[in-house]
């Protein structure tokens, strides 16, 4: 591994239920910075509907160089406007129940 590449432990949380559909990977002991890339190894790619999985995996963190870090920060300001298109509705548990 080079000085710009680290191998670390990673906590993974995957859920596919009627309440949530997400996958989170959090490298342990590493502060991620703009432009850094994380590759998670040997993580399950599919779970059945209604399941939630939490596990530990290995991850490779590739640090961005100064130019890539600058470019990521500069372009992220313009990409922020895509978040304005997201709509939020109140959570109504009764609406999720089958008739």
Protein backbone atom coordinates (compact mmCIF):
# COMPACT_ATOMS: atom_id res chain seq x y z
CA UNK A 1 0.00 0.00 0.00
CA UNK A 2 1.20 3.48 -0.79
CA UNK A 3 1.16 6.46 1.54
CA UNK A 4 -2.09 7.58 -0.12
CA UNK A 5 -3.82 4.20 0.31
CA UNK A 6 -4.96 2.77 3.65
CA UNK A 7 -6.49 -0.59 4.57
CA UNK A 8 -8.96 -0.21 7.46
CA UNK A 9 -11.81 -1.97 9.22
CA UNK A 10 -15.26 -0.79 8.12
CA UNK A 11 -18.68 -1.03 9.81
CA UNK A 12 -21.46 -1.78 7.30
CA UNK A 13 -25.20 -1.38 7.87
CA UNK A 14 -27.67 -2.46 5.15
CA UNK A 15 -31.45 -2.36 5.48
CA UNK A 16 -34.24 -3.10 3.02
CA UNK A 17 -37.57 -2.79 4.82
CA UNK A 18 -40.76 -0.84 4.31
CA UNK A 19 -39.38 1.76 6.73
CA UNK A 20 -35.90 2.20 5.28
CA UNK A 21 -33.81 1.35 2.23
CA UNK A 22 -30.16 2.19 2.86
CA UNK A 23 -26.57 1.02 2.89
CA UNK A 24 -23.97 2.77 5.05
CA UNK A 25 -20.26 1.99 5.20
CA UNK A 26 -18.20 3.81 7.82
CA UNK A 27 -14.41 3.30 7.83
CA UNK A 28 -13.06 3.08 11.39
CA UNK A 29 -10.34 5.42 12.59
CA UNK A 30 -10.15 7.44 9.36
CA UNK A 31 -11.39 10.98 8.83
CA UNK A 32 -12.58 11.12 5.23
CA UNK A 33 -11.85 14.30 3.31
CA UNK A 34 -13.29 15.68 0.05
CA UNK A 35 -12.24 13.60 -2.93
CA UNK A 36 -11.23 10.50 -0.95
CA UNK A 37 -12.51 7.17 -2.32
CA UNK A 38 -13.57 4.16 -0.25
CA UNK A 39 -13.75 0.61 -1.62
CA UNK A 40 -15.46 -1.89 0.71
CA UNK A 41 -14.37 -5.53 0.32
CA UNK A 42 -16.44 -8.71 0.72
CA UNK A 43 -19.67 -6.98 1.71
CA UNK A 44 -22.97 -8.73 0.89
CA UNK A 45 -24.51 -7.18 -2.22
CA UNK A 46 -28.08 -8.38 -1.71
CA UNK A 47 -30.42 -8.90 1.18
CA UNK A 48 -34.05 -9.97 1.08
CA UNK A 49 -36.86 -7.49 1.59
CA UNK A 50 -37.62 -7.06 5.28
CA UNK A 51 -34.04 -7.72 6.40
CA UNK A 52 -31.37 -5.64 8.07
CA UNK A 53 -27.70 -6.60 8.19
CA UNK A 54 -24.83 -5.14 10.21
CA UNK A 55 -21.31 -6.50 9.73
CA UNK A 56 -17.60 -5.70 9.77
CA UNK A 57 -15.59 -5.70 6.54
CA UNK A 58 -12.26 -4.46 5.27
CA UNK A 59 -12.06 -1.28 3.23
CA UNK A 60 -9.41 0.46 1.17
CA UNK A 61 -9.32 4.25 1.48
CA UNK A 62 -7.57 6.10 -1.35
CA UNK A 63 -6.63 9.65 -0.37
CA UNK A 64 -7.23 12.38 -2.93
CA UNK A 65 -4.37 14.64 -3.94
CA UNK A 66 -4.49 18.42 -3.55
CA UNK A 67 -5.90 19.06 -7.04
CA UNK A 68 -8.64 16.42 -6.71
CA UNK A 69 -9.54 17.75 -3.23
CA UNK A 70 -9.82 21.30 -4.60
CA UNK A 71 -11.91 20.14 -7.59
CA UNK A 72 -14.28 18.18 -5.34
CA UNK A 73 -14.84 21.17 -3.06
CA UNK A 74 -15.36 23.55 -5.99
CA UNK A 75 -17.85 21.36 -7.85
CA UNK A 76 -19.76 20.32 -4.72
CA UNK A 77 -21.02 23.89 -4.30
CA UNK A 78 -22.79 23.64 -7.67
CA UNK A 79 -24.04 20.08 -7.01
CA UNK A 80 -25.79 21.20 -3.82
CA UNK A 81 -28.70 22.54 -5.87
CA UNK A 82 -29.75 18.97 -6.75
CA UNK A 83 -30.80 18.53 -3.12
CA UNK A 84 -33.43 21.22 -3.57
CA UNK A 85 -35.41 18.84 -5.80
CA UNK A 86 -35.92 16.29 -3.03
CA UNK A 87 -39.35 16.33 -1.42
CA UNK A 88 -40.13 15.29 2.13
CA UNK A 89 -43.49 14.09 3.34
CA UNK A 90 -44.55 13.39 6.92
CA UNK A 91 -44.22 9.78 8.03
CA UNK A 92 -47.69 8.25 8.43
CA UNK A 93 -47.41 4.66 9.76
CA UNK A 94 -51.06 4.00 8.91
CA UNK A 95 -50.38 4.70 5.24
CA UNK A 96 -47.81 1.87 5.15
CA UNK A 97 -50.21 -0.77 6.51
CA UNK A 98 -51.77 -3.13 4.00
CA UNK A 99 -55.57 -2.86 3.74
